[in-house]
Amino acid sequence: QVQPVESGGGLVQAGGSLRLSCVDSGRTSTDYVVGWFRQASGKEREFVAAVRWSGGIRLTSVADFVKGRFTISADNAKNTVLLQMNSLKPEDTAVYYCAAGAPFQCVTQRRCYGYWGQGTQVTVSL
């Protein structure tokens, strides 16, 4: 399994938008789980969103604190998962990590993922 690779972070003003991309080139199955986590300075890494694809059916999970603002989607032809982040707030500032390799029943738990990207910095200014 190859580590996933994130891109798309940057600096944005509060209320703005960013789209993060995760390329999971190590994927070997049409059934998969890809998650997004974030870690702010001095805080624990926390779950943001995940997509599960099984038997042609897509399921998504999104943390309550980003519901209505963040959307996760997948482009299976490109082995890519996108995290669209709208209405960004200063408290969304963090390093955002893409992760792969979790079982379907454990998508919100950091400990369940075996492969992590290097992270991409998102900074939201006032």
N, C-alpha and C. Protein backbone atom coordinates (compact mmCIF):
# COMPACT_ATOMS: atom_id res chain seq x y z
N GLN A 1 0.85 -1.19 0.00
CA GLN A 1 0.00 0.00 0.00
C GLN A 1 0.89 1.24 0.00
N VAL A 2 0.60 2.16 -0.88
CA VAL A 2 1.33 3.41 -0.97
C VAL A 2 0.60 4.46 -0.14
N GLN A 3 1.36 5.34 0.49
CA GLN A 3 0.72 6.39 1.29
C GLN A 3 -0.14 7.28 0.41
N PRO A 4 -1.31 7.68 0.92
CA PRO A 4 -2.09 8.66 0.16
C PRO A 4 -1.38 10.01 0.17
N VAL A 5 -1.71 10.84 -0.79
CA VAL A 5 -1.07 12.15 -0.94
C VAL A 5 -2.13 13.24 -0.98
N GLU A 6 -2.00 14.20 -0.05
CA GLU A 6 -2.95 15.30 0.02
C GLU A 6 -2.43 16.52 -0.73
N SER A 7 -3.36 17.36 -1.14
CA SER A 7 -3.00 18.66 -1.71
C SER A 7 -4.19 19.59 -1.55
N GLY A 8 -3.95 20.88 -1.76
CA GLY A 8 -5.04 21.84 -1.76
C GLY A 8 -5.14 22.75 -0.55
N GLY A 9 -4.28 22.56 0.42
CA GLY A 9 -4.32 23.44 1.58
C GLY A 9 -3.84 24.83 1.24
N GLY A 10 -3.97 25.74 2.22
CA GLY A 10 -3.51 27.10 2.00
C GLY A 10 -4.08 28.05 3.02
N LEU A 11 -3.94 29.33 2.71
CA LEU A 11 -4.43 30.40 3.59
C LEU A 11 -5.69 31.00 2.97
N VAL A 12 -6.73 31.14 3.80
CA VAL A 12 -7.98 31.68 3.30
C VAL A 12 -8.60 32.52 4.41
N GLN A 13 -9.38 33.51 4.03
CA GLN A 13 -10.07 34.32 5.02
C GLN A 13 -11.32 33.61 5.53
N ALA A 14 -11.73 33.96 6.71
CA ALA A 14 -12.95 33.39 7.28
C ALA A 14 -14.12 33.61 6.32
N GLY A 15 -14.91 32.55 6.16
CA GLY A 15 -16.03 32.59 5.22
C GLY A 15 -15.68 32.06 3.85
N GLY A 16 -14.39 31.87 3.60
CA GLY A 16 -13.96 31.39 2.30
C GLY A 16 -14.03 29.88 2.17
N SER A 17 -13.51 29.39 1.04
CA SER A 17 -13.58 27.96 0.73
C SER A 17 -12.23 27.43 0.27
N LEU A 18 -12.03 26.16 0.51
CA LEU A 18 -10.88 25.42 -0.01
C LEU A 18 -11.36 24.03 -0.37
N ARG A 19 -10.66 23.42 -1.30
CA ARG A 19 -10.94 22.04 -1.64
C ARG A 19 -9.66 21.24 -1.52
N LEU A 20 -9.71 20.25 -0.67
CA LEU A 20 -8.56 19.35 -0.48
C LEU A 20 -8.74 18.11 -1.34
N SER A 21 -7.63 17.61 -1.81
CA SER A 21 -7.65 16.42 -2.65
C SER A 21 -6.74 15.36 -2.04
N CYS A 22 -7.17 14.12 -2.12
CA CYS A 22 -6.38 13.00 -1.63
C CYS A 22 -6.32 11.95 -2.73
N VAL A 23 -5.13 11.67 -3.19
CA VAL A 23 -4.93 10.62 -4.19
C VAL A 23 -4.46 9.36 -3.48
N ASP A 24 -5.27 8.34 -3.59
CA ASP A 24 -4.99 7.07 -2.93
C ASP A 24 -4.50 6.07 -3.98
N SER A 25 -3.27 6.25 -4.44
CA SER A 25 -2.76 5.46 -5.54
C SER A 25 -2.46 4.01 -5.15
N GLY A 26 -2.43 3.72 -3.86
CA GLY A 26 -2.17 2.37 -3.41
C GLY A 26 -3.40 1.49 -3.35
N ARG A 27 -4.53 2.03 -3.72
CA ARG A 27 -5.78 1.27 -3.65
C ARG A 27 -5.74 0.08 -4.59
N THR A 28 -6.16 -1.08 -4.05
CA THR A 28 -6.12 -2.30 -4.87
C THR A 28 -7.48 -2.94 -5.00
N SER A 29 -8.50 -2.28 -4.49
CA SER A 29 -9.84 -2.85 -4.53
C SER A 29 -10.84 -1.76 -4.88
N THR A 30 -11.98 -2.18 -5.46
CA THR A 30 -13.05 -1.22 -5.72
C THR A 30 -13.83 -0.91 -4.44
N ASP A 31 -13.63 -1.71 -3.40
CA ASP A 31 -14.20 -1.43 -2.08
C ASP A 31 -13.12 -0.77 -1.22
N TYR A 32 -13.43 0.36 -0.63
CA TYR A 32 -12.39 1.07 0.12
C TYR A 32 -12.99 2.03 1.12
N VAL A 33 -12.13 2.50 1.99
CA VAL A 33 -12.44 3.56 2.94
C VAL A 33 -11.33 4.61 2.86
N VAL A 34 -11.71 5.86 2.75
CA VAL A 34 -10.76 6.97 2.85
C VAL A 34 -11.33 7.99 3.82
N GLY A 35 -10.51 8.44 4.73
CA GLY A 35 -10.95 9.41 5.72
C GLY A 35 -10.10 10.65 5.73
N TRP A 36 -10.69 11.72 6.26
CA TRP A 36 -9.97 12.97 6.51
C TRP A 36 -9.99 13.24 8.01
N PHE A 37 -8.82 13.59 8.51
CA PHE A 37 -8.67 13.97 9.91
C PHE A 37 -7.96 15.32 9.93
N ARG A 38 -8.00 15.96 11.08
CA ARG A 38 -7.26 17.22 11.21
C ARG A 38 -6.65 17.31 12.61
N GLN A 39 -5.57 18.05 12.67
CA GLN A 39 -4.90 18.23 13.95
C GLN A 39 -4.47 19.67 14.09
N ALA A 40 -5.09 20.36 15.01
CA ALA A 40 -4.71 21.74 15.31
C ALA A 40 -3.54 21.73 16.29
N SER A 41 -2.82 22.81 16.33
CA SER A 41 -1.65 22.90 17.19
C SER A 41 -2.03 22.66 18.65
N GLY A 42 -1.35 21.72 19.28
CA GLY A 42 -1.60 21.42 20.68
C GLY A 42 -2.82 20.56 20.96
N LYS A 43 -3.46 20.06 19.91
CA LYS A 43 -4.67 19.26 20.09
C LYS A 43 -4.51 17.88 19.48
N GLU A 44 -5.44 17.00 19.85
CA GLU A 44 -5.46 15.66 19.31
C GLU A 44 -5.95 15.68 17.86
N ARG A 45 -5.51 14.66 17.11
CA ARG A 45 -6.01 14.51 15.75
C ARG A 45 -7.46 14.04 15.82
N GLU A 46 -8.33 14.69 15.04
CA GLU A 46 -9.75 14.38 15.12
C GLU A 46 -10.34 14.06 13.76
N PHE A 47 -11.38 13.25 13.79
CA PHE A 47 -12.08 12.83 12.58
C PHE A 47 -12.84 14.01 11.99
N VAL A 48 -12.79 14.12 10.65
CA VAL A 48 -13.53 15.15 9.94
C VAL A 48 -14.60 14.53 9.04
N ALA A 49 -14.18 13.61 8.17
CA ALA A 49 -15.12 13.01 7.22
C ALA A 49 -14.51 11.75 6.65
N ALA A 50 -15.38 10.88 6.14
CA ALA A 50 -14.90 9.65 5.50
C ALA A 50 -15.90 9.21 4.44
N VAL A 51 -15.37 8.49 3.47
CA VAL A 51 -16.20 7.89 2.44
C VAL A 51 -15.90 6.40 2.40
N ARG A 52 -16.97 5.62 2.32
CA ARG A 52 -16.86 4.17 2.18
C ARG A 52 -17.50 3.78 0.86
N TRP A 53 -16.82 2.95 0.12
CA TRP A 53 -17.37 2.48 -1.13
C TRP A 53 -17.35 0.97 -1.10
N SER A 54 -18.56 0.37 -1.18
CA SER A 54 -18.66 -1.08 -1.08
C SER A 54 -19.77 -1.57 -2.00
N GLY A 55 -19.43 -2.49 -2.88
CA GLY A 55 -20.43 -3.06 -3.76
C GLY A 55 -21.13 -2.03 -4.62
N GLY A 56 -20.42 -0.97 -4.99
CA GLY A 56 -21.02 0.06 -5.82
C GLY A 56 -21.84 1.08 -5.06
N ILE A 57 -21.89 0.95 -3.74
CA ILE A 57 -22.67 1.87 -2.92
C ILE A 57 -21.71 2.76 -2.12
N ARG A 58 -21.98 4.04 -2.16
CA ARG A 58 -21.13 5.00 -1.43
C ARG A 58 -21.84 5.46 -0.17
N LEU A 59 -21.11 5.44 0.92
CA LEU A 59 -21.61 5.97 2.18
C LEU A 59 -20.62 7.02 2.68
N THR A 60 -21.13 8.10 3.23
CA THR A 60 -20.24 9.13 3.76
C THR A 60 -20.57 9.40 5.22
N SER A 61 -19.56 9.81 5.95
CA SER A 61 -19.72 10.21 7.34
C SER A 61 -19.03 11.55 7.51
N VAL A 62 -19.66 12.44 8.25
CA VAL A 62 -19.09 13.78 8.45
C VAL A 62 -19.25 14.15 9.92
N ALA A 63 -18.21 14.70 10.51
CA ALA A 63 -18.28 15.11 11.91
C ALA A 63 -19.32 16.21 12.09
N ASP A 64 -19.96 16.21 13.24
CA ASP A 64 -21.02 17.18 13.50
C ASP A 64 -20.55 18.63 13.36
N PHE A 65 -19.32 18.88 13.75
CA PHE A 65 -18.85 20.27 13.77
C PHE A 65 -18.57 20.84 12.38
N VAL A 66 -18.64 20.00 11.34
CA VAL A 66 -18.46 20.49 9.97
C VAL A 66 -19.67 20.21 9.09
N LYS A 67 -20.70 19.59 9.64
CA LYS A 67 -21.89 19.31 8.85
C LYS A 67 -22.49 20.60 8.31
N GLY A 68 -22.88 20.53 7.04
CA GLY A 68 -23.44 21.71 6.39
C GLY A 68 -22.39 22.63 5.81
N ARG A 69 -21.12 22.40 6.15
CA ARG A 69 -20.04 23.24 5.61
C ARG A 69 -19.06 22.42 4.77
N PHE A 70 -18.75 21.22 5.19
CA PHE A 70 -17.78 20.37 4.48
C PHE A 70 -18.53 19.23 3.78
N THR A 71 -18.04 18.89 2.60
CA THR A 71 -18.62 17.79 1.84
C THR A 71 -17.49 16.90 1.33
N ILE A 72 -17.67 15.59 1.48
CA ILE A 72 -16.68 14.65 0.98
C ILE A 72 -17.25 13.94 -0.25
N SER A 73 -16.40 13.78 -1.25
CA SER A 73 -16.83 13.10 -2.47
C SER A 73 -15.67 12.29 -3.02
N ALA A 74 -15.98 11.44 -4.02
CA ALA A 74 -14.96 10.55 -4.56
C ALA A 74 -15.02 10.52 -6.08
N ASP A 75 -13.85 10.46 -6.68
CA ASP A 75 -13.71 10.23 -8.12
C ASP A 75 -12.96 8.92 -8.27
N ASN A 76 -13.70 7.84 -8.41
CA ASN A 76 -13.07 6.52 -8.41
C ASN A 76 -12.15 6.30 -9.61
N ALA A 77 -12.46 6.93 -10.72
CA ALA A 77 -11.62 6.78 -11.91
C ALA A 77 -10.21 7.32 -11.67
N LYS A 78 -10.10 8.27 -10.74
CA LYS A 78 -8.80 8.89 -10.45
C LYS A 78 -8.27 8.50 -9.08
N ASN A 79 -8.94 7.56 -8.41
CA ASN A 79 -8.54 7.16 -7.05
C ASN A 79 -8.38 8.38 -6.15
N THR A 80 -9.30 9.30 -6.28
CA THR A 80 -9.20 10.58 -5.58
C THR A 80 -10.43 10.82 -4.72
N VAL A 81 -10.19 11.34 -3.52
CA VAL A 81 -11.25 11.75 -2.62
C VAL A 81 -11.08 13.24 -2.36
N LEU A 82 -12.17 13.96 -2.48
CA LEU A 82 -12.14 15.41 -2.30
C LEU A 82 -12.86 15.81 -1.02
N LEU A 83 -12.33 16.85 -0.38
CA LEU A 83 -13.00 17.44 0.77
C LEU A 83 -13.25 18.91 0.45
N GLN A 84 -14.49 19.23 0.16
CA GLN A 84 -14.86 20.61 -0.13
C GLN A 84 -15.21 21.29 1.18
N MET A 85 -14.51 22.37 1.48
CA MET A 85 -14.69 23.07 2.75
C MET A 85 -15.19 24.48 2.47
N ASN A 86 -16.40 24.74 2.90
CA ASN A 86 -17.02 26.07 2.72
C ASN A 86 -17.25 26.73 4.07
N SER A 87 -17.50 28.02 4.03
CA SER A 87 -17.78 28.79 5.25
C SER A 87 -16.73 28.52 6.32
N LEU A 88 -15.49 28.58 5.93
CA LEU A 88 -14.40 28.26 6.84
C LEU A 88 -14.31 29.25 7.99
N LYS A 89 -13.92 28.73 9.14
CA LYS A 89 -13.79 29.51 10.36
C LYS A 89 -12.35 29.44 10.86
N PRO A 90 -11.91 30.39 11.63
CA PRO A 90 -10.55 30.33 12.18
C PRO A 90 -10.30 29.04 12.95
N GLU A 91 -11.30 28.50 13.59
CA GLU A 91 -11.12 27.25 14.35
C GLU A 91 -10.95 26.03 13.45
N ASP A 92 -11.11 26.19 12.14
CA ASP A 92 -10.83 25.11 11.21
C ASP A 92 -9.34 25.03 10.87
N THR A 93 -8.58 25.98 11.35
CA THR A 93 -7.14 25.98 11.11
C THR A 93 -6.50 24.73 11.70
N ALA A 94 -5.79 23.98 10.87
CA ALA A 94 -5.19 22.72 11.29
C ALA A 94 -4.40 22.13 10.13
N VAL A 95 -3.66 21.09 10.43
CA VAL A 95 -3.10 20.24 9.38
C VAL A 95 -4.13 19.16 9.09
N TYR A 96 -4.46 19.02 7.84
CA TYR A 96 -5.48 18.05 7.43
C TYR A 96 -4.78 16.84 6.81
N TYR A 97 -5.16 15.66 7.31
CA TYR A 97 -4.55 14.41 6.87
C TYR A 97 -5.57 13.52 6.18
N CYS A 98 -5.11 12.89 5.13
CA CYS A 98 -5.89 11.86 4.46
C CYS A 98 -5.39 10.50 4.94
N ALA A 99 -6.31 9.57 5.12
CA ALA A 99 -5.93 8.25 5.61
C ALA A 99 -6.72 7.18 4.87
N ALA A 100 -6.12 6.01 4.76
CA ALA A 100 -6.76 4.89 4.06
C ALA A 100 -6.52 3.60 4.83
N GLY A 101 -7.28 2.59 4.45
CA GLY A 101 -7.03 1.26 5.00
C GLY A 101 -7.85 0.86 6.19
N ALA A 102 -8.87 1.64 6.55
CA ALA A 102 -9.70 1.28 7.70
C ALA A 102 -10.78 0.27 7.28
N PRO A 103 -11.20 -0.59 8.20
CA PRO A 103 -12.35 -1.46 7.91
C PRO A 103 -13.63 -0.63 7.88
N PHE A 104 -14.66 -1.16 7.24
CA PHE A 104 -15.88 -0.39 7.03
C PHE A 104 -16.57 0.03 8.33
N GLN A 105 -16.38 -0.77 9.38
CA GLN A 105 -17.12 -0.49 10.60
C GLN A 105 -16.35 0.41 11.55
N CYS A 106 -15.25 1.00 11.08
CA CYS A 106 -14.40 1.75 12.00
C CYS A 106 -13.89 3.05 11.37
N VAL A 107 -14.70 3.71 10.57
CA VAL A 107 -14.19 4.80 9.74
C VAL A 107 -13.92 6.09 10.50
N THR A 108 -14.49 6.26 11.69
CA THR A 108 -14.29 7.51 12.41
C THR A 108 -13.15 7.44 13.43
N GLN A 109 -12.53 6.27 13.54
CA GLN A 109 -11.50 6.09 14.56
C GLN A 109 -10.11 6.16 13.95
N ARG A 110 -9.31 7.05 14.47
CA ARG A 110 -7.95 7.24 13.95
C ARG A 110 -7.15 5.93 13.99
N ARG A 111 -7.33 5.16 15.05
CA ARG A 111 -6.54 3.94 15.25
C ARG A 111 -6.81 2.88 14.19
N CYS A 112 -7.92 3.01 13.44
CA CYS A 112 -8.30 2.00 12.46
C CYS A 112 -7.62 2.17 11.10
N TYR A 113 -6.99 3.30 10.89
CA TYR A 113 -6.39 3.56 9.59
C TYR A 113 -4.92 3.16 9.58
N GLY A 114 -4.52 2.49 8.51
CA GLY A 114 -3.15 2.01 8.45
C GLY A 114 -2.23 2.86 7.60
N TYR A 115 -2.78 3.74 6.78
CA TYR A 115 -1.96 4.50 5.85
C TYR A 115 -2.35 5.98 5.93
N TRP A 116 -1.35 6.79 6.12
CA TRP A 116 -1.57 8.22 6.31
C TRP A 116 -0.73 9.03 5.35
N GLY A 117 -1.32 10.13 4.89
CA GLY A 117 -0.55 11.08 4.12
C GLY A 117 0.27 11.99 5.02
N GLN A 118 1.03 12.87 4.40
CA GLN A 118 1.91 13.77 5.15
C GLN A 118 1.19 14.97 5.71
N GLY A 119 -0.01 15.24 5.22
CA GLY A 119 -0.79 16.35 5.72
C GLY A 119 -0.63 17.60 4.88
N THR A 120 -1.67 18.44 4.92
CA THR A 120 -1.64 19.71 4.24
C THR A 120 -2.20 20.78 5.18
N GLN A 121 -1.51 21.90 5.25
CA GLN A 121 -1.88 22.95 6.20
C GLN A 121 -3.03 23.78 5.66
N VAL A 122 -4.03 23.98 6.51
CA VAL A 122 -5.13 24.89 6.22
C VAL A 122 -5.12 25.97 7.30
N THR A 123 -5.04 27.21 6.87
CA THR A 123 -5.04 28.34 7.81
C THR A 123 -6.17 29.29 7.43
N VAL A 124 -7.02 29.57 8.41
CA VAL A 124 -8.15 30.47 8.19
C VAL A 124 -7.95 31.71 9.04
N SER A 125 -7.87 32.84 8.38
CA SER A 125 -7.63 34.10 9.08
C SER A 125 -8.94 34.88 9.27
N LEU A 126 -8.92 35.77 10.23
CA LEU A 126 -10.11 36.59 10.48
C LEU A 126 -10.32 37.62 9.37
